[in-house]
Amino acid sequence: MTDLYRILFIVLCIVMVVVYYYRKNKHLKEETAGTMACKEVERAGKPSVMIVEIPQEDEEKVRKYIHECTDLDLDAHCKFERNGNLLKVSMDKDLNFYDTACIVNEFAWDAEGLDYDPKAHYTIGKLQIGDTTLTDTEVIFFVCPGDDPWLVDFVTKDGKKYQYNLGNERVKEI
């Protein structure tokens, strides 16, 4: 009977090692894919700036979306400047990474596909993507035509491109 318990114990130990190995590999794959929660992005304390080519009659869309979908009070936290069809929106220094990406995404897509070509400058205090750490760097958010509507790309000053998925909040280098 004691031999049966020993065999059972050894089998359970082997199962535990296999499960541990599987979970560890899964975690490593997620890290290399750049799993990142937005709350882990440290802000640099600088305002975000979105530039979008948008007709003056559609400017109300921008104001309405920012007002309804962020914590920003338009009058106190946003500054709108227009130069012909170009609209520059300077947003509060406390606007987070996810909200900035969502705002760019919102103005890139409509029912018929890519509508506008917004770009937003956002300064990251610190962001960990796999083995890469971005610190005190400005990135530019944009949307590539033909991409999935959940994806927002960003590029660093040194030209590294990343893709951010708004649905699962993962970043990967492209």
Protein backbone atom coordinates (compact mmCIF):
# COMPACT_ATOMS: atom_id res chain seq x y z
CA MET A 1 0.00 0.00 0.00
CA THR A 2 2.86 2.41 0.77
CA ASP A 3 4.28 1.80 -2.73
CA LEU A 4 0.94 2.91 -4.19
CA TYR A 5 1.11 6.16 -2.17
CA ARG A 6 4.68 6.76 -3.30
CA ILE A 7 3.70 6.29 -6.95
CA LEU A 8 0.69 8.56 -6.49
CA PHE A 9 2.89 11.17 -4.82
CA ILE A 10 5.44 11.04 -7.65
CA VAL A 11 2.69 11.34 -10.28
CA LEU A 12 1.20 14.37 -8.50
CA CYS A 13 4.65 15.98 -8.31
CA ILE A 14 5.15 15.45 -12.04
CA VAL A 15 1.73 16.95 -12.79
CA MET A 16 2.55 19.98 -10.64
CA VAL A 17 5.87 20.50 -12.47
CA VAL A 18 4.14 20.29 -15.86
CA VAL A 19 1.45 22.77 -14.81
CA TYR A 20 4.07 25.14 -13.41
CA TYR A 21 6.11 24.93 -16.62
CA TYR A 22 3.01 25.58 -18.77
CA ARG A 23 1.98 28.61 -16.72
CA LYS A 24 5.50 30.03 -16.75
CA ASN A 25 5.75 29.66 -20.55
CA LYS A 26 2.36 31.30 -20.98
CA HIS A 27 3.49 34.22 -18.80
CA LEU A 28 6.72 34.59 -20.81
CA LYS A 29 4.78 34.62 -24.09
CA GLU A 30 2.51 37.36 -22.74
CA GLU A 31 5.53 39.40 -21.64
CA THR A 32 7.16 39.15 -25.05
CA ALA A 33 3.85 40.13 -26.62
CA GLY A 34 4.04 43.27 -24.49
CA THR A 35 1.18 42.76 -22.07
CA MET A 36 0.65 46.09 -20.41
CA ALA A 37 -2.05 47.57 -18.24
CA CYS A 38 -2.63 51.25 -18.88
CA LYS A 39 -2.44 52.09 -15.21
CA GLU A 40 1.21 51.08 -15.38
CA VAL A 41 2.03 53.91 -17.78
CA GLU A 42 3.57 56.73 -15.80
CA ARG A 43 2.58 60.16 -17.03
CA ALA A 44 5.23 62.75 -17.69
CA GLY A 45 3.07 65.69 -16.65
CA LYS A 46 2.95 67.31 -20.08
CA PRO A 47 -0.17 68.05 -22.11
CA SER A 48 -1.20 65.82 -25.01
CA VAL A 49 -1.66 67.49 -28.37
CA MET A 50 -3.92 66.08 -31.07
CA ILE A 51 -3.81 67.46 -34.59
CA VAL A 52 -6.61 66.46 -36.92
CA GLU A 53 -7.65 67.70 -40.33
CA ILE A 54 -11.35 68.19 -39.84
CA PRO A 55 -13.88 70.60 -41.35
CA GLN A 56 -15.05 73.36 -39.05
CA GLU A 57 -18.62 72.02 -39.08
CA ASP A 58 -17.35 68.70 -37.60
CA GLU A 59 -15.43 70.33 -34.75
CA GLU A 60 -18.42 69.81 -32.48
CA LYS A 61 -17.86 66.02 -32.80
CA VAL A 62 -14.42 66.45 -31.23
CA ARG A 63 -15.72 68.60 -28.40
CA LYS A 64 -18.64 66.26 -27.69
CA TYR A 65 -16.53 63.10 -27.64
CA ILE A 66 -13.83 64.57 -25.40
CA HIS A 67 -16.47 65.94 -23.03
CA GLU A 68 -18.49 62.70 -22.83
CA CYS A 69 -15.70 60.09 -22.88
CA THR A 70 -12.96 61.61 -20.73
CA ASP A 71 -12.74 63.32 -17.38
CA LEU A 72 -11.64 66.54 -19.03
CA ASP A 73 -13.64 69.72 -18.61
CA LEU A 74 -13.34 71.29 -22.06
CA ASP A 75 -13.23 74.88 -20.82
CA ALA A 76 -10.62 74.25 -18.15
CA HIS A 77 -8.51 71.46 -19.67
CA CYS A 78 -8.64 71.77 -23.46
CA LYS A 79 -7.48 74.47 -25.80
CA PHE A 80 -8.70 74.44 -29.42
CA GLU A 81 -6.81 76.23 -32.19
CA ARG A 82 -7.88 76.22 -35.81
CA ASN A 83 -5.83 76.91 -38.93
CA GLY A 84 -8.06 76.30 -41.93
CA ASN A 85 -9.09 72.64 -41.82
CA LEU A 86 -6.39 71.77 -39.26
CA LEU A 87 -7.61 71.57 -35.68
CA LYS A 88 -5.06 71.46 -32.86
CA VAL A 89 -6.38 70.27 -29.51
CA SER A 90 -4.10 70.70 -26.49
CA MET A 91 -5.37 68.45 -23.71
CA ASP A 92 -4.65 68.42 -19.99
CA LYS A 93 -1.35 67.02 -18.74
CA ASP A 94 -3.26 64.41 -16.72
CA LEU A 95 -4.97 62.75 -19.69
CA ASN A 96 -3.94 59.11 -19.55
CA PHE A 97 -2.38 56.91 -22.24
CA TYR A 98 -5.55 54.89 -22.90
CA ASP A 99 -7.81 57.95 -23.24
CA THR A 100 -5.39 59.60 -25.65
CA ALA A 101 -5.30 56.46 -27.81
CA CYS A 102 -9.12 56.24 -27.72
CA ILE A 103 -9.52 59.84 -28.80
CA VAL A 104 -7.21 59.29 -31.79
CA ASN A 105 -9.05 56.08 -32.66
CA GLU A 106 -12.47 57.74 -32.40
CA PHE A 107 -11.59 60.41 -34.93
CA ALA A 108 -9.89 58.00 -37.33
CA TRP A 109 -12.92 55.74 -37.89
CA ASP A 110 -16.49 56.23 -38.91
CA ALA A 111 -19.14 53.98 -40.45
CA GLU A 112 -17.48 54.08 -43.88
CA GLY A 113 -13.92 53.40 -42.70
CA LEU A 114 -11.04 55.81 -42.19
CA ASP A 115 -12.53 59.28 -41.97
CA TYR A 116 -9.86 61.61 -40.60
CA ASP A 117 -6.12 61.28 -40.04
CA PRO A 118 -5.56 62.36 -36.44
CA LYS A 119 -2.16 62.36 -34.79
CA ALA A 120 -1.60 62.87 -31.07
CA HIS A 121 1.62 63.65 -29.24
CA TYR A 122 1.81 62.05 -25.80
CA THR A 123 4.75 62.16 -23.39
CA ILE A 124 5.35 58.96 -21.45
CA GLY A 125 7.07 59.13 -18.07
CA LYS A 126 7.75 55.39 -18.01
CA LEU A 127 6.32 52.40 -19.88
CA GLN A 128 7.49 48.77 -19.84
CA ILE A 129 6.88 46.74 -23.04
CA GLY A 130 8.43 43.29 -22.69
CA ASP A 131 12.17 43.90 -22.26
CA THR A 132 11.93 47.49 -23.52
CA THR A 133 11.41 50.42 -21.18
CA LEU A 134 10.35 53.77 -22.59
CA THR A 135 11.17 56.66 -20.25
CA ASP A 136 10.59 60.37 -20.64
CA THR A 137 9.84 60.10 -24.33
CA GLU A 138 7.25 61.55 -26.63
CA VAL A 139 5.25 59.19 -28.81
CA ILE A 140 2.91 59.97 -31.68
CA PHE A 141 -0.36 58.04 -31.87
CA PHE A 142 -1.90 57.39 -35.29
CA VAL A 143 -4.15 54.87 -37.07
CA CYS A 144 -3.04 53.02 -40.20
CA PRO A 145 -5.65 52.58 -42.93
CA GLY A 146 -6.62 48.93 -43.22
CA ASP A 147 -5.84 48.14 -39.56
CA ASP A 148 -8.39 46.62 -37.25
CA PRO A 149 -10.53 49.40 -35.72
CA TRP A 150 -9.31 48.36 -32.25
CA LEU A 151 -5.68 49.11 -33.08
CA VAL A 152 -3.81 52.36 -32.56
CA ASP A 153 -0.17 52.61 -33.57
CA PHE A 154 2.45 54.82 -31.99
CA VAL A 155 6.01 55.69 -32.87
CA THR A 156 8.83 56.95 -30.65
CA LYS A 157 11.30 59.72 -31.50
CA ASP A 158 13.89 57.12 -32.50
CA GLY A 159 11.48 55.55 -35.01
CA LYS A 160 10.40 52.40 -33.14
CA LYS A 161 6.81 51.53 -34.03
CA TYR A 162 4.35 49.84 -31.71
CA GLN A 163 0.77 48.69 -32.04
CA TYR A 164 -1.63 49.15 -29.14
CA ASN A 165 -4.82 47.08 -28.94
CA LEU A 166 -7.57 49.00 -27.17
CA GLY A 167 -9.58 45.83 -26.58
CA ASN A 168 -7.06 43.81 -24.60
CA GLU A 169 -4.61 46.64 -23.73
CA ARG A 170 -1.57 44.88 -25.21
CA VAL A 171 1.29 46.53 -27.00
CA LYS A 172 3.60 44.88 -29.47
CA GLU A 173 6.51 46.18 -31.50
CA ILE A 174 5.93 46.26 -35.25
